[in-house]
Amino acid sequence: MAPTEFDPVLLDPTRLTIVSLLAGVQWAEFGWVRESAGLSASALSKQISTLESHGYVEVRKGYVGKRPRTWVNLGDGGRTALEAHAAALQRIVEASRRTAGGDGA
């Protein structure tokens, strides 16, 4: 397998975690993503900025009452990238099983 099959943005475990979390929800609240990923607010903000600049996530800002809130959504580009990245990983697993004689050892 050629390394170019992996998405370079998703090679970072933190970004992979974020897009994986977002794959199962729509418009997740920033605090939920932060807690689920185990990140500080500043670290998550930086990673979301990177993902947004690559067109992987969408960000919305608004208010709940008078409190500012940020929501994040996995966009089509991010979903496609995650699926392709996961498929590349799956091909490695399948090749490993074939090489090991199918017993996984």
Protein backbone atom coordinates (compact mmCIF):
# COMPACT_ATOMS: atom_id res chain seq x y z
CA MET A 1 0.00 0.00 0.00
CA ALA A 2 1.29 3.41 -0.92
CA PRO A 3 1.50 5.91 1.95
CA THR A 4 -0.36 8.43 -0.23
CA GLU A 5 -3.55 6.45 0.37
CA PHE A 6 -3.62 7.86 3.87
CA ASP A 7 -5.04 11.31 4.39
CA PRO A 8 -2.15 13.45 5.69
CA VAL A 9 -4.53 15.61 7.74
CA LEU A 10 -5.94 12.54 9.49
CA LEU A 11 -2.55 11.01 10.28
CA ASP A 12 -2.61 13.21 13.38
CA PRO A 13 -4.37 11.12 16.08
CA THR A 14 -6.10 14.15 17.57
CA ARG A 15 -7.67 15.20 14.27
CA LEU A 16 -8.63 11.60 13.54
CA THR A 17 -10.35 11.43 16.93
CA ILE A 18 -12.26 14.66 16.29
CA VAL A 19 -13.59 13.65 12.87
CA SER A 20 -14.44 10.18 14.20
CA LEU A 21 -16.48 11.73 17.01
CA LEU A 22 -18.23 14.05 14.58
CA ALA A 23 -19.06 11.21 12.17
CA GLY A 24 -21.80 9.99 14.48
CA VAL A 25 -23.49 13.31 15.24
CA GLN A 26 -24.66 16.51 13.61
CA TRP A 27 -23.60 19.88 14.93
CA ALA A 28 -21.83 18.81 18.10
CA GLU A 29 -21.34 21.43 20.78
CA PHE A 30 -17.70 22.45 21.22
CA GLY A 31 -17.68 21.51 24.91
CA TRP A 32 -18.88 17.98 24.16
CA VAL A 33 -16.15 17.49 21.54
CA ARG A 34 -13.55 18.93 23.94
CA GLU A 35 -14.56 16.59 26.75
CA SER A 36 -14.95 13.55 24.49
CA ALA A 37 -11.54 14.08 22.88
CA GLY A 38 -9.88 14.94 26.19
CA LEU A 39 -8.48 18.22 24.94
CA SER A 40 -8.14 21.73 26.29
CA ALA A 41 -10.28 24.38 24.64
CA SER A 42 -7.25 25.97 22.99
CA ALA A 43 -5.95 22.65 21.64
CA LEU A 44 -9.36 21.76 20.21
CA SER A 45 -9.76 25.22 18.70
CA LYS A 46 -6.42 24.86 16.91
CA GLN A 47 -7.32 21.43 15.54
CA ILE A 48 -10.76 22.56 14.43
CA SER A 49 -9.16 25.50 12.61
CA THR A 50 -6.90 23.08 10.75
CA LEU A 51 -9.80 20.80 9.86
CA GLU A 52 -11.90 23.77 8.77
CA SER A 53 -9.12 25.13 6.54
CA HIS A 54 -9.06 21.76 4.74
CA GLY A 55 -12.84 21.79 4.30
CA TYR A 56 -13.42 18.87 6.67
CA VAL A 57 -15.60 20.58 9.26
CA GLU A 58 -18.07 23.44 9.43
CA VAL A 59 -18.24 25.76 12.42
CA ARG A 60 -21.25 27.72 13.64
CA LYS A 61 -21.24 30.26 16.40
CA GLY A 62 -24.32 31.46 18.21
CA TYR A 63 -25.90 31.93 21.58
CA VAL A 64 -27.91 29.84 23.97
CA GLY A 65 -29.64 32.50 25.97
CA LYS A 66 -26.88 35.04 26.52
CA ARG A 67 -24.07 32.49 26.51
CA PRO A 68 -21.91 32.17 23.41
CA ARG A 69 -21.69 28.68 21.93
CA THR A 70 -19.77 27.03 19.12
CA TRP A 71 -20.98 24.00 17.19
CA VAL A 72 -18.97 21.81 14.84
CA ASN A 73 -20.21 19.56 12.05
CA LEU A 74 -18.36 17.04 9.90
CA GLY A 75 -18.75 18.21 6.31
CA ASP A 76 -18.95 16.06 3.20
CA GLY A 77 -15.22 16.51 2.56
CA GLY A 78 -14.37 15.36 6.06
CA ARG A 79 -16.69 12.37 5.85
CA THR A 80 -15.18 11.33 2.51
CA ALA A 81 -11.64 11.75 3.88
CA LEU A 82 -12.46 9.72 7.01
CA GLU A 83 -14.02 6.90 4.99
CA ALA A 84 -11.04 6.73 2.62
CA HIS A 85 -8.56 6.84 5.52
CA ALA A 86 -10.42 4.05 7.35
CA ALA A 87 -10.52 1.98 4.14
CA ALA A 88 -6.74 2.33 3.78
CA LEU A 89 -6.30 1.11 7.36
CA GLN A 90 -8.67 -1.79 6.69
CA ARG A 91 -6.59 -2.82 3.67
CA ILE A 92 -3.54 -3.08 5.95
CA VAL A 93 -5.48 -5.31 8.35
CA GLU A 94 -6.69 -7.53 5.51
CA ALA A 95 -3.19 -7.81 4.02
CA SER A 96 -1.82 -8.71 7.45
CA ARG A 97 -4.39 -11.47 7.84
CA ARG A 98 -3.53 -12.89 4.42
CA THR A 99 0.19 -12.78 5.20
CA ALA A 100 -0.37 -14.47 8.57
CA GLY A 101 -2.36 -17.25 6.95
CA GLY A 102 -5.72 -15.89 7.97
CA ASP A 103 -5.37 -16.61 11.68
CA GLY A 104 -4.44 -13.04 12.62
CA ALA A 105 -1.33 -14.18 14.50
